[in-house]
Every structure is written in C-alpha cells, then in structure tokens.
Protein backbone atom coordinates (compact mmCIF):
# COMPACT_ATOMS: atom_id res chain seq x y z
CA UNK A 1 -0.18 -0.12 0.38
CA UNK A 2 2.73 2.21 1.02
CA UNK A 3 4.39 1.96 -2.18
CA UNK A 4 1.01 2.55 -4.60
CA UNK A 5 0.74 5.61 -2.19
CA UNK A 6 3.90 7.12 -2.59
CA UNK A 7 3.37 7.10 -6.91
CA UNK A 8 0.58 8.21 -6.14
CA UNK A 9 1.36 11.24 -4.32
CA UNK A 10 4.52 11.71 -6.87
CA UNK A 11 2.43 11.73 -9.38
CA UNK A 12 0.37 14.84 -8.24
CA UNK A 13 1.32 18.49 -9.59
CA UNK A 14 0.35 20.55 -7.03
CA UNK A 15 2.12 20.61 -3.88
CA UNK A 16 -0.73 19.90 -1.65
CA UNK A 17 -2.59 16.88 -1.53
CA UNK A 18 -6.32 16.11 -0.12
CA UNK A 19 -6.16 13.32 2.22
CA UNK A 20 -10.14 12.03 1.04
CA UNK A 21 -9.01 12.07 -2.39
CA UNK A 22 -5.43 10.26 -1.97
CA UNK A 23 -7.89 7.75 -0.41
CA UNK A 24 -10.44 7.55 -3.05
CA UNK A 25 -7.41 7.24 -5.61
CA UNK A 26 -5.83 4.77 -3.23
CA UNK A 27 -8.73 2.30 -3.54
CA UNK A 28 -9.34 3.23 -7.34
CA UNK A 29 -5.79 1.52 -7.68
CA UNK A 30 -5.72 -1.26 -5.18
CA UNK A 31 -9.61 -2.27 -5.34
CA UNK A 32 -10.16 -5.14 -2.88
CA UNK A 33 -7.04 -5.51 -1.89
CA UNK A 34 -7.38 -1.77 -0.06
CA UNK A 35 -9.73 -3.38 2.51
CA UNK A 36 -7.79 -6.88 2.85
CA UNK A 37 -4.59 -4.72 3.69
CA UNK A 38 -6.19 -2.75 6.45
CA UNK A 39 -7.97 -0.14 4.95
CA UNK A 40 -8.44 3.25 6.20
CA UNK A 41 -6.00 2.29 9.46
CA UNK A 42 -3.32 1.30 7.23
CA UNK A 43 -3.92 3.93 5.20
CA UNK A 44 -3.38 6.34 7.88
CA UNK A 45 -0.43 4.66 9.20
CA UNK A 46 0.99 5.19 5.98
CA UNK A 47 0.67 8.94 5.81
CA UNK A 48 2.03 8.73 9.43
CA UNK A 49 5.40 6.94 8.15
CA UNK A 50 5.39 9.89 5.20
CA UNK A 51 5.11 12.47 7.63
CA UNK A 52 7.74 11.17 9.84
CA UNK A 53 10.18 10.21 7.00
CA UNK A 54 9.41 14.05 6.00
CA UNK A 55 7.59 13.14 2.80
CA UNK A 56 4.39 14.93 4.22
CA UNK A 57 3.55 17.59 6.15
CA UNK A 58 0.44 18.01 7.93
CA UNK A 59 -0.96 21.70 6.89
CA UNK A 60 -2.69 22.14 10.50
CA UNK A 61 -4.95 24.81 9.36
CA UNK A 62 -6.87 22.29 7.28
CA UNK A 63 -8.25 20.40 10.37
CA UNK A 64 -8.91 17.10 11.53
CA UNK A 65 -11.04 14.91 9.17
CA UNK A 66 -13.42 13.45 11.84
CA UNK A 67 -11.86 9.95 11.49
CA UNK A 68 -10.11 7.10 13.59
CA UNK A 69 -7.33 7.75 13.42
CA UNK A 70 -7.87 11.46 12.70
CA UNK A 71 -5.73 12.88 9.97
CA UNK A 72 -5.14 16.19 8.58
CA UNK A 73 -7.59 17.13 5.23
CA UNK A 74 -4.58 18.66 3.32
CA UNK A 75 -0.99 17.93 3.70
CA UNK A 76 1.69 19.33 1.46
CA UNK A 77 4.40 17.67 -0.17
CA UNK A 78 7.81 18.17 0.99
CA UNK A 79 9.87 16.41 -1.22
CA UNK A 80 9.92 13.38 -4.00
CA UNK A 81 10.76 9.93 -3.66
CA UNK A 82 10.29 7.10 -6.11
CA UNK A 83 8.43 4.14 -5.03
CA UNK A 84 10.62 0.90 -4.78
CA UNK A 85 9.49 -0.56 -7.84
CA UNK A 86 11.10 2.19 -9.69
CA UNK A 87 14.70 2.20 -7.49
CA UNK A 88 14.50 -1.79 -8.21
CA UNK A 89 14.50 -0.69 -12.13
CA UNK A 90 17.95 0.85 -11.24
CA UNK A 91 19.17 -2.41 -10.66
CA UNK A 92 18.75 -3.80 -14.06
CA UNK A 93 20.17 -0.82 -15.99
CA UNK A 94 23.54 -1.07 -17.48
CA UNK A 95 26.52 0.12 -15.20
CA UNK A 96 27.63 2.44 -17.58
CA UNK A 97 24.06 4.29 -17.00
CA UNK A 98 24.94 6.70 -13.61
CA UNK A 99 21.49 6.71 -11.81
CA UNK A 100 22.71 9.07 -8.76
CA UNK A 101 20.85 11.84 -9.73
CA UNK A 102 17.63 10.23 -10.99
CA UNK A 103 17.02 9.06 -6.90
CA UNK A 104 17.29 12.43 -6.13
CA UNK A 105 15.19 13.79 -8.46
CA UNK A 106 11.77 11.64 -9.45
CA UNK A 107 10.54 14.15 -11.94
CA UNK A 108 13.30 13.77 -13.60
CA UNK A 109 13.41 9.87 -13.74
CA UNK A 110 10.13 10.11 -14.88
CA UNK A 111 10.91 12.13 -17.26
CA UNK A 112 13.63 9.93 -19.24
CA UNK A 113 12.55 6.78 -17.87
CA UNK A 114 12.21 5.22 -21.53
CA UNK A 115 15.56 6.50 -22.97
CA UNK A 116 17.20 5.21 -20.09
CA UNK A 117 15.51 1.82 -20.84
CA UNK A 118 16.07 1.65 -24.62
CA UNK A 119 19.67 3.06 -24.12
CA UNK A 120 20.88 0.55 -21.61
CA UNK A 121 18.78 -2.51 -23.80
CA UNK A 122 20.92 -0.82 -26.58
CA UNK A 123 24.42 -1.20 -24.32
CA UNK A 124 23.44 -4.75 -23.34
CA UNK A 125 23.61 -5.91 -26.94
CA UNK A 126 25.81 -8.50 -27.86
CA UNK A 127 27.62 -6.89 -30.75
CA UNK A 128 28.10 -3.31 -29.04
CA UNK A 129 31.62 -3.36 -29.66
CA UNK A 130 31.09 -3.68 -32.90
CA UNK A 131 28.36 -1.06 -33.31
CA UNK A 132 30.68 1.23 -31.07
CA UNK A 133 33.70 0.36 -33.73
CA UNK A 134 32.51 2.76 -36.16
CA UNK A 135 32.00 6.31 -35.53
CA UNK A 136 28.84 7.79 -36.33
CA UNK A 137 27.65 11.60 -36.52
CA UNK A 138 25.75 12.35 -33.38
CA UNK A 139 22.22 12.16 -35.62
CA UNK A 140 23.31 9.16 -36.92
CA UNK A 141 23.75 7.35 -33.63
CA UNK A 142 20.71 9.34 -31.81
CA UNK A 143 18.35 7.30 -34.69
CA UNK A 144 20.14 4.31 -34.54
CA UNK A 145 19.69 3.86 -30.47
CA UNK A 146 16.25 5.88 -29.52
CA UNK A 147 14.81 6.02 -33.09
CA UNK A 148 14.90 9.80 -32.38
CA UNK A 149 17.55 11.88 -34.36
CA UNK A 150 17.71 15.27 -32.89
CA UNK A 151 17.50 14.16 -29.62
CA UNK A 152 21.37 13.90 -28.57
CA UNK A 153 21.47 17.17 -29.79
CA UNK A 154 18.58 19.16 -28.23
CA UNK A 155 18.50 20.36 -24.87
CA UNK A 156 16.79 17.36 -23.44
CA UNK A 157 18.88 14.94 -24.79
CA UNK A 158 22.23 16.95 -23.62
CA UNK A 159 20.55 17.13 -20.08
CA UNK A 160 20.21 13.40 -20.53
CA UNK A 161 24.07 12.72 -20.93
CA UNK A 162 24.91 14.76 -18.06
CA UNK A 163 22.68 13.39 -15.80
CA UNK A 164 23.98 9.76 -16.79
CA UNK A 165 27.52 10.78 -16.79
CA UNK A 166 27.87 9.98 -20.30
CA UNK A 167 29.20 11.97 -23.53
CA UNK A 168 28.76 11.59 -27.33
CA UNK A 169 32.45 10.28 -26.81
CA UNK A 170 31.18 7.26 -24.73
CA UNK A 171 28.76 6.69 -27.88
CA UNK A 172 31.42 7.06 -30.21
CA UNK A 173 29.58 9.85 -32.43
CA UNK A 174 30.34 13.26 -33.19
CA UNK A 175 28.56 16.52 -33.85
CA UNK A 176 28.74 17.98 -37.43
CA UNK A 177 28.76 21.43 -37.72
CA UNK A 178 26.72 23.56 -40.58
CA UNK A 179 29.46 24.52 -43.04
CA UNK A 180 30.04 28.48 -43.38
CA UNK A 181 31.12 30.51 -46.96
CA UNK A 182 34.27 31.40 -46.50
CA UNK A 183 37.77 32.80 -48.73
CA UNK A 184 40.83 30.79 -48.08
CA UNK A 185 43.95 33.18 -48.49
CA UNK A 186 46.05 30.54 -46.46
CA UNK A 187 48.86 30.22 -49.02
CA UNK A 188 49.53 34.21 -49.35
CA UNK A 189 48.95 34.71 -45.59
CA UNK A 190 49.94 31.06 -43.64
CA UNK A 191 50.24 32.83 -40.40
CA UNK A 192 47.21 35.06 -40.74
CA UNK A 193 43.94 35.69 -38.51
CA UNK A 194 40.91 34.78 -39.19
CA UNK A 195 38.03 37.54 -39.66
CA UNK A 196 34.39 36.83 -39.39
CA UNK A 197 32.28 39.43 -40.97
CA UNK A 198 28.37 39.55 -39.80
CA UNK A 199 26.56 40.86 -42.96
CA UNK A 200 26.56 40.07 -46.94
CA UNK A 201 27.80 43.06 -48.55
CA UNK A 202 30.69 43.39 -46.16
CA UNK A 203 32.26 40.52 -46.56
CA UNK A 204 32.21 40.61 -50.04
CA UNK A 205 33.16 44.13 -50.60
CA UNK A 206 36.77 42.74 -48.11
CA UNK A 207 36.85 40.09 -50.00
CA UNK A 208 36.99 41.77 -53.32
CA UNK A 209 39.28 43.85 -52.10
CA UNK A 210 41.92 41.14 -50.89
CA UNK A 211 41.78 39.16 -54.28
CA UNK A 212 42.31 42.70 -56.12
CA UNK A 213 45.27 43.70 -53.62
CA UNK A 214 45.90 41.73 -50.74
CA UNK A 215 44.52 40.26 -47.62
CA UNK A 216 45.62 42.53 -44.97
CA UNK A 217 43.53 45.43 -43.62
CA UNK A 218 45.51 47.76 -40.52
CA UNK A 219 48.82 45.66 -40.95
CA UNK A 220 47.06 42.36 -39.60
CA UNK A 221 47.01 40.20 -42.12
CA UNK A 222 44.11 37.41 -42.98
CA UNK A 223 44.33 33.81 -43.92
CA UNK A 224 40.20 33.01 -43.50
CA UNK A 225 37.55 35.50 -44.15
CA UNK A 226 34.70 34.23 -43.14
CA UNK A 227 31.16 35.33 -44.08
CA UNK A 228 28.84 34.87 -40.35
CA UNK A 229 25.64 35.35 -41.90
CA UNK A 230 24.23 36.45 -38.88
CA UNK A 231 23.33 34.46 -36.25
CA UNK A 232 24.36 31.44 -38.02
CA UNK A 233 28.21 31.42 -37.13
CA UNK A 234 26.95 30.39 -33.95
CA UNK A 235 25.80 26.78 -34.90
CA UNK A 236 28.62 26.61 -37.45
CA UNK A 237 31.99 27.83 -36.35
CA UNK A 238 32.79 24.52 -35.00
CA UNK A 239 33.14 23.75 -38.55
CA UNK A 240 36.95 25.57 -38.62
CA UNK A 241 38.72 22.52 -36.96
CA UNK A 242 38.00 21.09 -40.38
CA UNK A 243 39.29 23.67 -42.52
CA UNK A 244 42.42 24.72 -39.84
CA UNK A 245 44.68 22.60 -37.64
CA UNK A 246 46.14 23.70 -34.78
CA UNK A 247 45.32 27.04 -32.88
CA UNK A 248 43.72 29.94 -34.58
CA UNK A 249 43.43 33.50 -33.09
CA UNK A 250 39.37 34.40 -34.55
CA UNK A 251 38.49 38.06 -34.84
CA UNK A 252 34.73 39.50 -35.52
CA UNK A 253 33.49 42.49 -36.86
CA UNK A 254 29.72 43.22 -36.71
CA UNK A 255 27.21 45.67 -36.32
CA UNK A 256 27.00 48.54 -33.39
CA UNK A 257 24.26 47.40 -32.06
CA UNK A 258 22.87 45.22 -28.97
CA UNK A 259 22.50 42.02 -31.66
CA UNK A 260 25.73 42.31 -33.01
CA UNK A 261 27.43 42.39 -29.46
CA UNK A 262 25.60 39.38 -28.35
CA UNK A 263 26.09 37.36 -31.65
CA UNK A 264 29.86 37.77 -30.41
CA UNK A 265 29.54 36.70 -26.70
CA UNK A 266 27.21 33.74 -28.23
CA UNK A 267 30.37 32.73 -30.58
CA UNK A 268 32.41 32.89 -27.22
CA UNK A 269 30.10 31.04 -24.88
CA UNK A 270 29.84 28.59 -27.24
CA UNK A 271 33.17 28.36 -28.24
CA UNK A 272 35.46 28.52 -25.83
CA UNK A 273 38.21 27.05 -27.00
CA UNK A 274 38.46 29.12 -29.98
CA UNK A 275 39.91 32.92 -29.19
CA UNK A 276 37.91 35.46 -30.61
CA UNK A 277 37.54 39.42 -30.42
CA UNK A 278 36.00 42.02 -31.65
CA UNK A 279 38.18 44.02 -34.47
CA UNK A 280 38.55 47.15 -32.71
CA UNK A 281 39.70 48.95 -35.26
CA UNK A 282 37.45 48.20 -37.47
CA UNK A 283 33.92 49.23 -34.90
CA UNK A 284 36.13 52.57 -33.81
CA UNK A 285 35.97 53.67 -37.73
CA UNK A 286 32.86 52.83 -37.79
CA UNK A 287 32.66 55.15 -34.79
CA UNK A 288 34.78 57.99 -36.03
CA UNK A 289 32.38 58.34 -38.85
CA UNK A 290 29.18 57.66 -37.73
CA UNK A 291 28.59 58.07 -33.90
CA UNK A 292 27.37 61.64 -34.26
CA UNK A 293 24.90 60.79 -36.89
CA UNK A 294 23.53 57.38 -36.03
CA UNK A 295 20.60 56.49 -36.57
CA UNK A 296 17.44 55.22 -34.60
CA UNK A 297 17.22 51.24 -34.23
CA UNK A 298 14.21 49.94 -35.91
CA UNK A 299 14.13 46.74 -33.55
CA UNK A 300 13.38 48.20 -29.87
CA UNK A 301 13.21 45.18 -28.86
CA UNK A 302 16.90 44.05 -29.15
CA UNK A 303 17.92 42.13 -26.04
CA UNK A 304 21.68 43.88 -24.39
CA UNK A 305 23.32 40.84 -23.48
CA UNK A 306 27.00 40.64 -23.31
CA UNK A 307 27.74 44.25 -23.32
CA UNK A 308 30.38 44.95 -20.86
CA UNK A 309 32.35 41.46 -21.65
CA UNK A 310 32.55 42.93 -25.66
CA UNK A 311 33.24 46.68 -24.11
CA UNK A 312 36.37 45.01 -22.43
CA UNK A 313 38.40 45.26 -25.63
CA UNK A 314 37.65 48.92 -25.85
CA UNK A 315 39.36 51.76 -25.18
CA UNK A 316 37.57 54.12 -22.77
CA UNK A 317 36.19 56.63 -25.19
CA UNK A 318 34.67 53.77 -27.46
CA UNK A 319 33.64 52.12 -24.99
CA UNK A 320 31.73 54.89 -23.97
CA UNK A 321 30.04 55.45 -27.15
CA UNK A 322 29.16 51.98 -28.05
CA UNK A 323 27.72 52.42 -24.53
CA UNK A 324 25.90 55.46 -25.49
CA UNK A 325 24.30 54.34 -28.56
CA UNK A 326 22.83 51.00 -27.28
CA UNK A 327 21.11 53.20 -24.39
CA UNK A 328 19.97 55.66 -27.12
CA UNK A 329 18.83 53.16 -28.84
CA UNK A 330 20.96 53.93 -31.77
CA UNK A 331 22.69 51.88 -33.80
CA UNK A 332 25.46 51.55 -36.57
CA UNK A 333 25.65 49.29 -39.58
CA UNK A 334 28.95 47.84 -40.75
CA UNK A 335 27.74 48.33 -43.90
CA UNK A 336 29.05 52.27 -43.36
CA UNK A 337 32.26 51.15 -44.29
CA UNK A 338 32.13 50.58 -48.02
CA UNK A 339 33.89 48.69 -50.83
CA UNK A 340 36.18 52.17 -51.72
CA UNK A 341 37.01 52.51 -48.33
CA UNK A 342 38.24 49.46 -47.71
CA UNK A 343 40.03 49.51 -51.19
CA UNK A 344 41.66 52.73 -50.02
CA UNK A 345 42.57 51.66 -46.70
CA UNK A 346 44.24 48.08 -48.17
CA UNK A 347 45.57 50.19 -50.38
CA UNK A 348 47.62 52.04 -48.24
CA UNK A 349 48.10 48.81 -46.39
CA UNK A 350 49.69 47.01 -49.41
C-alpha cells in the first residue's frame, strides 16, 4: 500500500494533496486489496510514516478529517521520492548509466525513464563493441539508439547525457557543424588571422579588395575571411576545425547594436576553446564616421546581452560611445564601411 501511495503522491502536480482524494485514488488502484491490507487504518499509518520520513507535512489549518485515527484534511509535499518498484528498476540498467541524480530527482527520472530503458537495452546488445567500433554522427547514433535523430543534440538530450554521466564520445559519435562560406588566403598568408564578417555586403567588399590587392587590413594579415551570416555563425564556427589545424586567433566584426554584440558573446560562450575578439579598429572606424549621426534602431526589443564583455576590449572613449548608442537605441551598421573605403585602406596597407 505504501509504495502505491508514494507513487500517487509523486504524480500529483500540486504541492498540496487532499487526504480524501489520496484515499479515493488509492482505493481505485488497489480495489478489494485496500480492505484486505487494512483499509483506512493502514492508510492512516502510511500517511503518518510519510510525515515521519519528511515526505509529507500536515497542514494544521486544514483541521481534522474527524475519523479514527484522525488525519488532517490536507498535507504538503516536502520532497519527491521514487517508489520501491522504481528504485528496483535501477538494478537492471547497464552499469555505464549513472542513476544517482535520478534517485534525488524523481520527476527527472520519470521524464527520461523510457530513454534510460532504451539506452540500457542498446548497451546490453551482444554486438555493441562492433557497433561502437565505427564512429557515427550524433544524429546517426541518436536515431540508431532512440529512433529520434535529434535527441542527443537537443536540450533534453544534452541534459540526459549529463545526468547519466555519459558523453557523445562514450557513444562514439560526434557533432557535425553547418559549413560556412569563406575565402581562403592561407597560401598568401599562412600565419594570418581569421576575420568573421556578420553581413554579406561587407564580406563581399572585403573579399573583392583582398583578392584584387592583398589580404591585409590595418597591417593585420588575414588567412581566412568568413561570412558569418548573422546568427548562423554561432552554429557553424565548429566547422573551422575541418579547415584549419592547430590554434588560431579569430576576430569578429559586426553591426554596432545589441544583436551584433550578442552574436559575438554567443560565439565566445559556444566556442570557449577558440580565442575570439572584436576587431576593435574596424568598430572604431564606424564610430569615428557615424557616431554623431547614428540612426535610431528599428527593433527596440533587442536584448542587451554580453555588453560588458564586449566593451572590455575597447579603449575607454570608444566603450563609452558604444554604450551611449545602446542606451539611446541607436545603431551603426557595418555597411557604413563601403567597398570604396576598404579599397583605399587596403591599398595604403600594401
């Protein structure tokens, strides 16, 4: 009776449970066994036991139910618990699946229970060594195991792996990144830097200038010019490892607005192993040319994230200017630096 009652309480969405509803549902689940196992007397003993174990707390203001033994009309759930049956299930799961977190978070276990069972059965397969001898993409492995190709890479899948103590490497699979569009000048500047451009027109202008003259701007040689395509680069920069071996310094140049700054911040957050900085000199050129005449921003709902991290790279005066633009809801698009401007600057460098 106790385990059934614990399960009933655990599945209740509200923090407060009513005694009469608990008993009614218990009778429905147990049928004639309810009476055979002691009926209301046994039920009241179970409630008392759960209170002693700090799983339930009596709400004294709800008053007595008037029965013998007396119970309060309502109780407050203190913490969730797994039933003994659920705990027993852990004994049969594959040893590589960690279950400690599930013991303390029953709701999380019930959320992922089917995935735990499926993965455990998969790991017990007699041909598992042969399966894992061949690396798969994360989506391929996810479909192979769960018949859900996106699970291992989505938010729930990442949480599931963290809780179970597993990694994609344990499943011999890897994430693939969307390829990005780029121009490669490595043969000319093998030790050059990498420059990401947020928007298409500015990328095109720089690409034409580098191709016609030399891949260098403000005396900084460029080996790779990447078209960031707005937010897409936050999902695709991992593709860089397919192009370049070893360490590399990356610079970013985008619009001076909240979105451009947020893209930069997300890049740093998503790819902590890649050194990424704003290309300060290009941003300062925008400020020098358009700060006084900066237009009002069209989308006033932009979130102002990573601003302090971004401004950390700038001299004090430039940082103040950018901050003022954000406060006044103004912006400067990177298209303010045109093809003609880049052509002159690059000619001067050469």
